[in-house]
Amino acid sequence: MPIDPARLLARPFPAIEHAYSQRDTQLYALGLGLGADPLDAGQLRYVYEGRDGASLRAMPTMANVLAYPGFWARDPDTGITWQKLLHAEQEVRWHAPLPASGRVTGCTRITGLWDKGEGRGALLQQTREITDAASGRLLATVQQLSLLRGDGGFGAGGTEGAPPAPHAMPEGAPDHVCDLATPAQLALIYRLSGDLNPLHADPAVAAAAGFARPILHGMALMGVAAHAVLRTVLDYEDTRFAGMRVRFTAPAWPGDTLRTEMWVRGATVSLRTTAVERSVVVLNNARVDLR
């Protein structure tokens, strides 16, 4: 069935309650490559709970995997040609630091649907608010922008106005550069935080999709870029993260060395990430907003 824009924009999502432990928080950080240097105290704060059991920090980008509704685009009621869906952008706004363990509630809704025209696809934006289940305190707002390559041309009924414009990158040389090596098994670790798409684990599935090997999750790539900013600009002071927005431009592979270039302009860090060995820009038009 083709897209019905009014129905898709009004699609209900059940609230999701998600309990997570310190072990889940540590596993998420390991899935971004933190702990690669076991003597680095900055990295250890995300993968080791400390002698008192209370020193563990949650990586801010862990909001991406909390109370996530899953790959709902495959449900037959959506009308989406899910086989042609691409994850285009991801944005997180943090309203409070994420606890290292806890119980949260996620409420998802469709907040944008833009028709690019017949044969050009459509853009769909979904927004998820993550709150502390006990207090009701808002912790983070997560927005995901997807390109529906097979679903353009539906005409009227979409969202008025234009979709969000890309973040404009500064000119000139970057202020900072950070290279982070990724192990070949990184996607196999990251998937244990909830994204079990076989594209990231099964060589046969990856080959059928046109890739030479399983690729790294886009949101893992976002987490690696966040680590670069934490390490290079913030000395691991994660409470300064107010927001982050990234645009995915090419797949990264587990095993890539990911070079993140950073331009600091006041409270905004613009960034671009390149897979060094392949000279491929995998993340661009990205920004981190600081407190």
C-alpha atoms as a PDB file:
ATOM      1  CA  MET A   1       0.000   0.000   0.000  1.00  0.00           C
ATOM      2  CA  PRO A   2       1.330   3.522  -0.764  1.00  0.00           C
ATOM      3  CA  ILE A   3       1.987   6.148   1.871  1.00  0.00           C
ATOM      4  CA  ASP A   4      -1.050   7.869   3.331  1.00  0.00           C
ATOM      5  CA  PRO A   5       0.580  11.045   4.735  1.00  0.00           C
ATOM      6  CA  ALA A   6      -2.275  11.980   7.083  1.00  0.00           C
ATOM      7  CA  ARG A   7      -2.381   8.473   8.535  1.00  0.00           C
ATOM      8  CA  LEU A   8       1.395   8.274   8.885  1.00  0.00           C
ATOM      9  CA  LEU A   9       1.634  11.656  10.630  1.00  0.00           C
ATOM     10  CA  ALA A  10      -1.079  10.575  13.085  1.00  0.00           C
ATOM     11  CA  ARG A  11       0.355   7.078  13.686  1.00  0.00           C
ATOM     12  CA  PRO A  12       0.251   6.224  17.403  1.00  0.00           C
ATOM     13  CA  PHE A  13       3.178   4.676  19.227  1.00  0.00           C
ATOM     14  CA  PRO A  14       2.854   2.993  22.615  1.00  0.00           C
ATOM     15  CA  ALA A  15       5.014   4.418  25.387  1.00  0.00           C
ATOM     16  CA  ILE A  16       8.032   2.207  26.026  1.00  0.00           C
ATOM     17  CA  GLU A  17       9.485   1.664  29.489  1.00  0.00           C
ATOM     18  CA  HIS A  18      13.142   0.694  29.501  1.00  0.00           C
ATOM     19  CA  ALA A  19      15.088  -0.426  32.559  1.00  0.00           C
ATOM     20  CA  TYR A  20      18.861  -0.507  32.135  1.00  0.00           C
ATOM     21  CA  SER A  21      21.766  -1.388  34.395  1.00  0.00           C
ATOM     22  CA  GLN A  22      25.367  -0.276  34.829  1.00  0.00           C
ATOM     23  CA  ARG A  23      26.339  -3.298  32.745  1.00  0.00           C
ATOM     24  CA  ASP A  24      24.205  -2.004  29.847  1.00  0.00           C
ATOM     25  CA  THR A  25      25.876   1.401  30.132  1.00  0.00           C
ATOM     26  CA  GLN A  26      29.331  -0.152  30.076  1.00  0.00           C
ATOM     27  CA  LEU A  27      28.456  -2.384  27.126  1.00  0.00           C
ATOM     28  CA  TYR A  28      27.181   0.627  25.171  1.00  0.00           C
ATOM     29  CA  ALA A  29      30.442   2.515  25.743  1.00  0.00           C
ATOM     30  CA  LEU A  30      32.510  -0.528  24.745  1.00  0.00           C
ATOM     31  CA  GLY A  31      30.449  -0.609  21.541  1.00  0.00           C
ATOM     32  CA  LEU A  32      31.829   2.849  20.713  1.00  0.00           C
ATOM     33  CA  GLY A  33      35.418   1.774  21.326  1.00  0.00           C
ATOM     34  CA  LEU A  34      35.866   3.389  24.739  1.00  0.00           C
ATOM     35  CA  GLY A  35      38.298   1.491  26.938  1.00  0.00           C
ATOM     36  CA  ALA A  36      40.693   0.909  24.055  1.00  0.00           C
ATOM     37  CA  ASP A  37      43.319   2.530  26.269  1.00  0.00           C
ATOM     38  CA  PRO A  38      42.787   0.909  29.677  1.00  0.00           C
ATOM     39  CA  LEU A  39      45.108   3.488  31.303  1.00  0.00           C
ATOM     40  CA  ASP A  40      43.068   6.478  30.102  1.00  0.00           C
ATOM     41  CA  ALA A  41      41.079   7.709  33.116  1.00  0.00           C
ATOM     42  CA  GLY A  42      38.742   9.663  30.846  1.00  0.00           C
ATOM     43  CA  GLN A  43      37.665   6.558  28.953  1.00  0.00           C
ATOM     44  CA  LEU A  44      37.507   4.393  32.084  1.00  0.00           C
ATOM     45  CA  ARG A  45      34.756   6.507  33.640  1.00  0.00           C
ATOM     46  CA  TYR A  46      32.348   5.088  31.000  1.00  0.00           C
ATOM     47  CA  VAL A  47      33.381   1.437  31.209  1.00  0.00           C
ATOM     48  CA  TYR A  48      34.348   0.930  34.884  1.00  0.00           C
ATOM     49  CA  GLU A  49      32.090   1.537  37.848  1.00  0.00           C
ATOM     50  CA  GLY A  50      34.965   2.390  40.203  1.00  0.00           C
ATOM     51  CA  ARG A  51      35.920   0.911  43.544  1.00  0.00           C
ATOM     52  CA  ASP A  52      32.831   2.349  45.209  1.00  0.00           C
ATOM     53  CA  GLY A  53      30.526   1.168  42.396  1.00  0.00           C
ATOM     54  CA  ALA A  54      29.241   4.712  41.932  1.00  0.00           C
ATOM     55  CA  SER A  55      31.756   6.323  39.584  1.00  0.00           C
ATOM     56  CA  LEU A  56      30.316   5.154  36.271  1.00  0.00           C
ATOM     57  CA  ARG A  57      29.145   7.764  33.753  1.00  0.00           C
ATOM     58  CA  ALA A  58      26.750   7.237  30.837  1.00  0.00           C
ATOM     59  CA  MET A  59      27.931   8.404  27.424  1.00  0.00           C
ATOM     60  CA  PRO A  60      25.484  11.151  26.373  1.00  0.00           C
ATOM     61  CA  THR A  61      24.736   9.450  23.039  1.00  0.00           C
ATOM     62  CA  MET A  62      23.354   6.445  24.910  1.00  0.00           C
ATOM     63  CA  ALA A  63      20.052   8.346  24.621  1.00  0.00           C
ATOM     64  CA  ASN A  64      19.908   6.969  21.064  1.00  0.00           C
ATOM     65  CA  VAL A  65      19.267   3.422  22.318  1.00  0.00           C
ATOM     66  CA  LEU A  66      17.013   4.124  25.313  1.00  0.00           C
ATOM     67  CA  ALA A  67      13.294   3.288  24.949  1.00  0.00           C
ATOM     68  CA  TYR A  68      13.758   3.016  21.179  1.00  0.00           C
ATOM     69  CA  PRO A  69      10.607   1.820  19.313  1.00  0.00           C
ATOM     70  CA  GLY A  70      12.568  -0.395  16.927  1.00  0.00           C
ATOM     71  CA  PHE A  71      12.342  -0.632  13.150  1.00  0.00           C
ATOM     72  CA  TRP A  72       8.610   0.109  13.033  1.00  0.00           C
ATOM     73  CA  ALA A  73       8.784   1.162   9.353  1.00  0.00           C
ATOM     74  CA  ARG A  74       8.535  -2.550   8.473  1.00  0.00           C
ATOM     75  CA  ASP A  75       5.010  -2.727   9.897  1.00  0.00           C
ATOM     76  CA  PRO A  76       2.494  -3.174   7.051  1.00  0.00           C
ATOM     77  CA  ASP A  77       0.257  -0.306   8.197  1.00  0.00           C
ATOM     78  CA  THR A  78       2.937   2.320   7.439  1.00  0.00           C
ATOM     79  CA  GLY A  79       2.961   1.972   3.649  1.00  0.00           C
ATOM     80  CA  ILE A  80       6.703   2.646   3.729  1.00  0.00           C
ATOM     81  CA  THR A  81       8.960   0.826   1.264  1.00  0.00           C
ATOM     82  CA  TRP A  82      11.224  -0.054   4.159  1.00  0.00           C
ATOM     83  CA  GLN A  83      13.818  -1.824   2.004  1.00  0.00           C
ATOM     84  CA  LYS A  84      14.731   1.585   0.531  1.00  0.00           C
ATOM     85  CA  LEU A  85      14.826   3.523   3.804  1.00  0.00           C
ATOM     86  CA  LEU A  86      18.075   5.282   4.692  1.00  0.00           C
ATOM     87  CA  HIS A  87      19.001   6.883   8.003  1.00  0.00           C
ATOM     88  CA  ALA A  88      19.931  10.433   6.967  1.00  0.00           C
ATOM     89  CA  GLU A  89      20.346  12.453  10.177  1.00  0.00           C
ATOM     90  CA  GLN A  90      20.242  12.055  13.955  1.00  0.00           C
ATOM     91  CA  GLU A  91      19.885  14.745  16.601  1.00  0.00           C
ATOM     92  CA  VAL A  92      19.822  14.622  20.393  1.00  0.00           C
ATOM     93  CA  ARG A  93      19.061  17.424  22.853  1.00  0.00           C
ATOM     94  CA  TRP A  94      19.995  16.751  26.476  1.00  0.00           C
ATOM     95  CA  HIS A  95      17.944  18.314  29.255  1.00  0.00           C
ATOM     96  CA  ALA A  96      19.734  16.509  32.092  1.00  0.00           C
ATOM     97  CA  PRO A  97      22.656  14.047  32.372  1.00  0.00           C
ATOM     98  CA  LEU A  98      21.676  10.427  31.760  1.00  0.00           C
ATOM     99  CA  PRO A  99      21.877   8.258  34.892  1.00  0.00           C
ATOM    100  CA  ALA A 100      24.349   5.372  34.696  1.00  0.00           C
ATOM    101  CA  SER A 101      21.432   3.045  35.454  1.00  0.00           C
ATOM    102  CA  GLY A 102      17.726   3.557  35.816  1.00  0.00           C
ATOM    103  CA  ARG A 103      14.295   3.212  34.317  1.00  0.00           C
ATOM    104  CA  VAL A 104      13.114   5.550  31.566  1.00  0.00           C
ATOM    105  CA  THR A 105      10.021   6.028  29.427  1.00  0.00           C
ATOM    106  CA  GLY A 106      10.149   6.847  25.730  1.00  0.00           C
ATOM    107  CA  CYS A 107       7.264   8.466  23.824  1.00  0.00           C
ATOM    108  CA  THR A 108       7.637   8.574  20.035  1.00  0.00           C
ATOM    109  CA  ARG A 109       5.657  10.516  17.428  1.00  0.00           C
ATOM    110  CA  ILE A 110       6.020  11.477  13.768  1.00  0.00           C
ATOM    111  CA  THR A 111       6.870  15.174  13.612  1.00  0.00           C
ATOM    112  CA  GLY A 112       7.601  15.723   9.927  1.00  0.00           C
ATOM    113  CA  LEU A 113       6.929  14.277   6.464  1.00  0.00           C
ATOM    114  CA  TRP A 114       8.179  16.082   3.354  1.00  0.00           C
ATOM    115  CA  ASP A 115       7.600  14.942  -0.230  1.00  0.00           C
ATOM    116  CA  LYS A 116      10.669  15.411  -2.460  1.00  0.00           C
ATOM    117  CA  GLY A 117       8.742  14.352  -5.572  1.00  0.00           C
ATOM    118  CA  GLU A 118       8.146  11.260  -7.699  1.00  0.00           C
ATOM    119  CA  GLY A 119      11.322   9.221  -7.973  1.00  0.00           C
ATOM    120  CA  ARG A 120      13.131  11.420  -5.420  1.00  0.00           C
ATOM    121  CA  GLY A 121      11.689  10.000  -2.214  1.00  0.00           C
ATOM    122  CA  ALA A 122      10.420  11.643   0.946  1.00  0.00           C
ATOM    123  CA  LEU A 123      11.873  12.722   4.293  1.00  0.00           C
ATOM    124  CA  LEU A 124      10.353  11.486   7.533  1.00  0.00           C
ATOM    125  CA  GLN A 125      11.182  12.877  10.965  1.00  0.00           C
ATOM    126  CA  GLN A 126      10.390  11.039  14.190  1.00  0.00           C
ATOM    127  CA  THR A 127      10.831  12.510  17.664  1.00  0.00           C
ATOM    128  CA  ARG A 128      11.228  10.605  20.936  1.00  0.00           C
ATOM    129  CA  GLU A 129      11.094  12.168  24.386  1.00  0.00           C
ATOM    130  CA  ILE A 130      12.909  10.219  27.092  1.00  0.00           C
ATOM    131  CA  THR A 131      11.850  10.831  30.679  1.00  0.00           C
ATOM    132  CA  ASP A 132      12.863   9.388  34.011  1.00  0.00           C
ATOM    133  CA  ALA A 133      10.119   6.878  34.783  1.00  0.00           C
ATOM    134  CA  ALA A 134      10.042   7.614  38.509  1.00  0.00           C
ATOM    135  CA  SER A 135      10.154  11.422  38.527  1.00  0.00           C
ATOM    136  CA  GLY A 136       8.837  12.249  35.063  1.00  0.00           C
ATOM    137  CA  ARG A 137      11.849  14.512  34.486  1.00  0.00           C
ATOM    138  CA  LEU A 138      12.671  15.038  30.806  1.00  0.00           C
ATOM    139  CA  LEU A 139      16.182  13.709  30.125  1.00  0.00           C
ATOM    140  CA  ALA A 140      16.591  13.900  26.342  1.00  0.00           C
ATOM    141  CA  THR A 141      14.792  14.565  23.067  1.00  0.00           C
ATOM    142  CA  VAL A 142      15.907  12.437  20.113  1.00  0.00           C
ATOM    143  CA  GLN A 143      15.073  13.234  16.468  1.00  0.00           C
ATOM    144  CA  GLN A 144      15.741  10.904  13.567  1.00  0.00           C
ATOM    145  CA  LEU A 145      15.448  11.968   9.924  1.00  0.00           C
ATOM    146  CA  SER A 146      15.014   9.157   7.391  1.00  0.00           C
ATOM    147  CA  LEU A 147      15.063   9.251   3.607  1.00  0.00           C
ATOM    148  CA  LEU A 148      12.238   7.130   2.187  1.00  0.00           C
ATOM    149  CA  ARG A 149      13.759   6.543  -1.232  1.00  0.00           C
ATOM    150  CA  GLY A 150      10.783   4.596  -2.576  1.00  0.00           C
ATOM    151  CA  ASP A 151       7.936   6.759  -1.303  1.00  0.00           C
ATOM    152  CA  GLY A 152       8.047  10.170  -2.976  1.00  0.00           C
ATOM    153  CA  GLY A 153       5.277  11.685  -5.046  1.00  0.00           C
ATOM    154  CA  PHE A 154       2.378  11.391  -2.583  1.00  0.00           C
ATOM    155  CA  GLY A 155       1.525  15.079  -3.065  1.00  0.00           C
ATOM    156  CA  ALA A 156      -0.565  16.997  -0.553  1.00  0.00           C
ATOM    157  CA  GLY A 157      -0.925  16.042   3.071  1.00  0.00           C
ATOM    158  CA  GLY A 158       2.669  16.284   4.229  1.00  0.00           C
ATOM    159  CA  THR A 159       4.287  18.802   6.554  1.00  0.00           C
ATOM    160  CA  GLU A 160       4.217  22.466   5.553  1.00  0.00           C
ATOM    161  CA  GLY A 161       7.486  24.266   4.912  1.00  0.00           C
ATOM    162  CA  ALA A 162      10.927  22.843   4.298  1.00  0.00           C
ATOM    163  CA  PRO A 163      12.777  20.117   6.187  1.00  0.00           C
ATOM    164  CA  PRO A 164      15.653  21.154   8.472  1.00  0.00           C
ATOM    165  CA  ALA A 165      18.529  22.699   6.527  1.00  0.00           C
ATOM    166  CA  PRO A 166      21.980  21.101   6.920  1.00  0.00           C
ATOM    167  CA  HIS A 167      24.340  22.633   9.442  1.00  0.00           C
ATOM    168  CA  ALA A 168      26.725  24.961   7.580  1.00  0.00           C
ATOM    169  CA  MET A 169      30.353  24.017   8.065  1.00  0.00           C
ATOM    170  CA  PRO A 170      32.991  26.693   8.773  1.00  0.00           C
ATOM    171  CA  GLU A 171      35.724  27.449   6.270  1.00  0.00           C
ATOM    172  CA  GLY A 172      39.420  27.050   6.903  1.00  0.00           C
ATOM    173  CA  ALA A 173      41.510  24.498   8.744  1.00  0.00           C
ATOM    174  CA  PRO A 174      39.993  22.717  11.761  1.00  0.00           C
ATOM    175  CA  ASP A 175      40.947  23.753  15.278  1.00  0.00           C
ATOM    176  CA  HIS A 176      41.300  20.150  16.442  1.00  0.00           C
ATOM    177  CA  VAL A 177      41.731  16.722  14.863  1.00  0.00           C
ATOM    178  CA  CYS A 178      41.196  13.417  16.658  1.00  0.00           C
ATOM    179  CA  ASP A 179      41.906   9.965  15.208  1.00  0.00           C
ATOM    180  CA  LEU A 180      40.134   7.035  16.864  1.00  0.00           C
ATOM    181  CA  ALA A 181      40.859   3.491  15.712  1.00  0.00           C
ATOM    182  CA  THR A 182      37.909   1.104  15.700  1.00  0.00           C
ATOM    183  CA  PRO A 183      38.301  -2.648  16.212  1.00  0.00           C
ATOM    184  CA  ALA A 184      37.026  -5.033  13.544  1.00  0.00           C
ATOM    185  CA  GLN A 185      34.398  -6.433  15.933  1.00  0.00           C
ATOM    186  CA  LEU A 186      32.963  -3.042  16.937  1.00  0.00           C
ATOM    187  CA  ALA A 187      29.588  -3.532  15.186  1.00  0.00           C
ATOM    188  CA  LEU A 188      29.224  -6.954  16.821  1.00  0.00           C
ATOM    189  CA  ILE A 189      29.597  -5.279  20.224  1.00  0.00           C
ATOM    190  CA  TYR A 190      27.414  -2.258  19.474  1.00  0.00           C
ATOM    191  CA  ARG A 191      24.515  -4.402  18.240  1.00  0.00           C
ATOM    192  CA  LEU A 192      24.193  -5.867  21.744  1.00  0.00           C
ATOM    193  CA  SER A 193      22.812  -2.472  22.828  1.00  0.00           C
ATOM    194  CA  GLY A 194      19.662  -3.181  20.830  1.00  0.00           C
ATOM    195  CA  ASP A 195      20.165  -2.696  17.078  1.00  0.00           C
ATOM    196  CA  LEU A 196      20.159  -6.274  15.797  1.00  0.00           C
ATOM    197  CA  ASN A 197      19.931  -5.478  12.061  1.00  0.00           C
ATOM    198  CA  PRO A 198      21.917  -8.308  10.385  1.00  0.00           C
ATOM    199  CA  LEU A 199      23.413  -5.764   7.954  1.00  0.00           C
ATOM    200  CA  HIS A 200      25.912  -5.056  10.749  1.00  0.00           C
ATOM    201  CA  ALA A 201      26.806  -8.673  11.484  1.00  0.00           C
ATOM    202  CA  ASP A 202      26.081 -11.064   8.593  1.00  0.00           C
ATOM    203  CA  PRO A 203      28.440 -10.902   5.570  1.00  0.00           C
ATOM    204  CA  ALA A 204      25.798 -12.473   3.300  1.00  0.00           C
ATOM    205  CA  VAL A 205      23.201  -9.855   4.228  1.00  0.00           C
ATOM    206  CA  ALA A 206      25.751  -7.081   3.708  1.00  0.00           C
ATOM    207  CA  ALA A 207      26.694  -8.483   0.283  1.00  0.00           C
ATOM    208  CA  ALA A 208      23.042  -8.644  -0.761  1.00  0.00           C
ATOM    209  CA  ALA A 209      22.749  -4.949   0.143  1.00  0.00           C
ATOM    210  CA  GLY A 210      25.763  -4.112  -2.017  1.00  0.00           C
ATOM    211  CA  PHE A 211      28.433  -3.835   0.675  1.00  0.00           C
ATOM    212  CA  ALA A 212      31.754  -5.657   0.730  1.00  0.00           C
ATOM    213  CA  ARG A 213      31.355  -6.383   4.437  1.00  0.00           C
ATOM    214  CA  PRO A 214      29.020  -5.650   7.376  1.00  0.00           C
ATOM    215  CA  ILE A 215      28.950  -1.919   8.058  1.00  0.00           C
ATOM    216  CA  LEU A 216      29.066   0.066  11.297  1.00  0.00           C
ATOM    217  CA  HIS A 217      25.784   1.337  12.738  1.00  0.00           C
ATOM    218  CA  GLY A 218      25.224   5.016  11.981  1.00  0.00           C
ATOM    219  CA  MET A 219      24.466   5.740  15.619  1.00  0.00           C
ATOM    220  CA  ALA A 220      27.704   4.005  16.642  1.00  0.00           C
ATOM    221  CA  LEU A 221      29.506   6.343  14.247  1.00  0.00           C
ATOM    222  CA  MET A 222      27.742   9.272  15.944  1.00  0.00           C
ATOM    223  CA  GLY A 223      28.953   7.978  19.310  1.00  0.00           C
ATOM    224  CA  VAL A 224      32.552   7.738  18.092  1.00  0.00           C
ATOM    225  CA  ALA A 225      32.367  11.356  16.896  1.00  0.00           C
ATOM    226  CA  ALA A 226      30.936  12.380  20.286  1.00  0.00           C
ATOM    227  CA  HIS A 227      33.863  10.612  21.949  1.00  0.00           C
ATOM    228  CA  ALA A 228      36.262  12.635  19.781  1.00  0.00           C
ATOM    229  CA  VAL A 229      34.696  15.896  21.017  1.00  0.00           C
ATOM    230  CA  LEU A 230      34.684  14.709  24.635  1.00  0.00           C
ATOM    231  CA  ARG A 231      38.313  13.649  24.437  1.00  0.00           C
ATOM    232  CA  THR A 232      39.745  16.579  22.475  1.00  0.00           C
ATOM    233  CA  VAL A 233      37.649  19.621  23.379  1.00  0.00           C
ATOM    234  CA  LEU A 234      35.975  18.845  26.725  1.00  0.00           C
ATOM    235  CA  ASP A 235      38.485  16.688  28.638  1.00  0.00           C
ATOM    236  CA  TYR A 236      35.615  14.208  29.184  1.00  0.00           C
ATOM    237  CA  GLU A 237      33.295  16.756  30.856  1.00  0.00           C
ATOM    238  CA  ASP A 238      30.137  15.205  29.363  1.00  0.00           C
ATOM    239  CA  THR A 239      27.763  17.482  31.299  1.00  0.00           C
ATOM    240  CA  ARG A 240      28.672  20.229  28.815  1.00  0.00           C
ATOM    241  CA  PHE A 241      26.846  18.391  26.010  1.00  0.00           C
ATOM    242  CA  ALA A 242      23.609  20.279  25.273  1.00  0.00           C
ATOM    243  CA  GLY A 243      22.875  18.945  21.795  1.00  0.00           C
ATOM    244  CA  MET A 244      24.346  17.034  18.865  1.00  0.00           C
ATOM    245  CA  ARG A 245      23.225  16.758  15.269  1.00  0.00           C
ATOM    246  CA  VAL A 246      24.901  14.674  12.554  1.00  0.00           C
ATOM    247  CA  ARG A 247      24.343  13.881   8.881  1.00  0.00           C
ATOM    248  CA  PHE A 248      25.405  10.450   7.619  1.00  0.00           C
ATOM    249  CA  THR A 249      27.127  10.670   4.229  1.00  0.00           C
ATOM    250  CA  ALA A 250      28.676   7.212   3.681  1.00  0.00           C
ATOM    251  CA  PRO A 251      28.943   3.907   5.553  1.00  0.00           C
ATOM    252  CA  ALA A 252      31.788   3.388   7.999  1.00  0.00           C
ATOM    253  CA  TRP A 253      33.331  -0.052   8.400  1.00  0.00           C
ATOM    254  CA  PRO A 254      34.361  -1.666  11.666  1.00  0.00           C
ATOM    255  CA  GLY A 255      38.156  -1.439  11.639  1.00  0.00           C
ATOM    256  CA  ASP A 256      38.244   2.033  10.075  1.00  0.00           C
ATOM    257  CA  THR A 257      40.357   4.720  11.680  1.00  0.00           C
ATOM    258  CA  LEU A 258      37.853   7.543  12.133  1.00  0.00           C
ATOM    259  CA  ARG A 259      39.349  11.038  11.934  1.00  0.00           C
ATOM    260  CA  THR A 260      37.101  13.762  13.343  1.00  0.00           C
ATOM    261  CA  GLU A 261      37.944  17.359  12.453  1.00  0.00           C
ATOM    262  CA  MET A 262      36.500  20.010  14.774  1.00  0.00           C
ATOM    263  CA  TRP A 263      35.919  23.739  14.423  1.00  0.00           C
ATOM    264  CA  VAL A 264      35.113  25.527  17.706  1.00  0.00           C
ATOM    265  CA  ARG A 265      33.046  28.696  17.386  1.00  0.00           C
ATOM    266  CA  GLY A 266      31.821  29.856  20.777  1.00  0.00           C
ATOM    267  CA  ALA A 267      29.410  27.245  22.157  1.00  0.00           C
ATOM    268  CA  THR A 268      29.254  25.326  18.860  1.00  0.00           C
ATOM    269  CA  VAL A 269      31.663  22.614  17.740  1.00  0.00           C
ATOM    270  CA  SER A 270      31.261  21.798  14.037  1.00  0.00           C
ATOM    271  CA  LEU A 271      32.622  18.442  12.961  1.00  0.00           C
ATOM    272  CA  ARG A 272      33.334  16.151  10.054  1.00  0.00           C
ATOM    273  CA  THR A 273      34.467  12.513  10.270  1.00  0.00           C
ATOM    274  CA  THR A 274      36.498  10.654   7.635  1.00  0.00           C
ATOM    275  CA  ALA A 275      37.397   6.979   7.325  1.00  0.00           C
ATOM    276  CA  VAL A 276      41.145   7.538   6.984  1.00  0.00           C
ATOM    277  CA  GLU A 277      42.210   4.370   5.162  1.00  0.00           C
ATOM    278  CA  ARG A 278      39.511   4.811   2.503  1.00  0.00           C
ATOM    279  CA  SER A 279      39.515   8.649   2.353  1.00  0.00           C
ATOM    280  CA  VAL A 280      35.718   8.633   2.644  1.00  0.00           C
ATOM    281  CA  VAL A 281      33.739  11.289   4.527  1.00  0.00           C
ATOM    282  CA  VAL A 282      31.268   9.259   6.581  1.00  0.00           C
ATOM    283  CA  LEU A 283      29.744  12.023   8.713  1.00  0.00           C
ATOM    284  CA  ASN A 284      29.396  15.694   7.789  1.00  0.00           C
ATOM    285  CA  ASN A 285      27.487  18.913   8.500  1.00  0.00           C
ATOM    286  CA  ALA A 286      27.578  17.922  12.156  1.00  0.00           C
ATOM    287  CA  ARG A 287      27.577  19.982  15.323  1.00  0.00           C
ATOM    288  CA  VAL A 288      27.774  19.697  19.074  1.00  0.00           C
ATOM    289  CA  ASP A 289      26.187  22.468  21.159  1.00  0.00           C
ATOM    290  CA  LEU A 290      27.856  23.134  24.487  1.00  0.00           C
ATOM    291  CA  ARG A 291      26.628  24.447  27.796  1.00  0.00           C
END
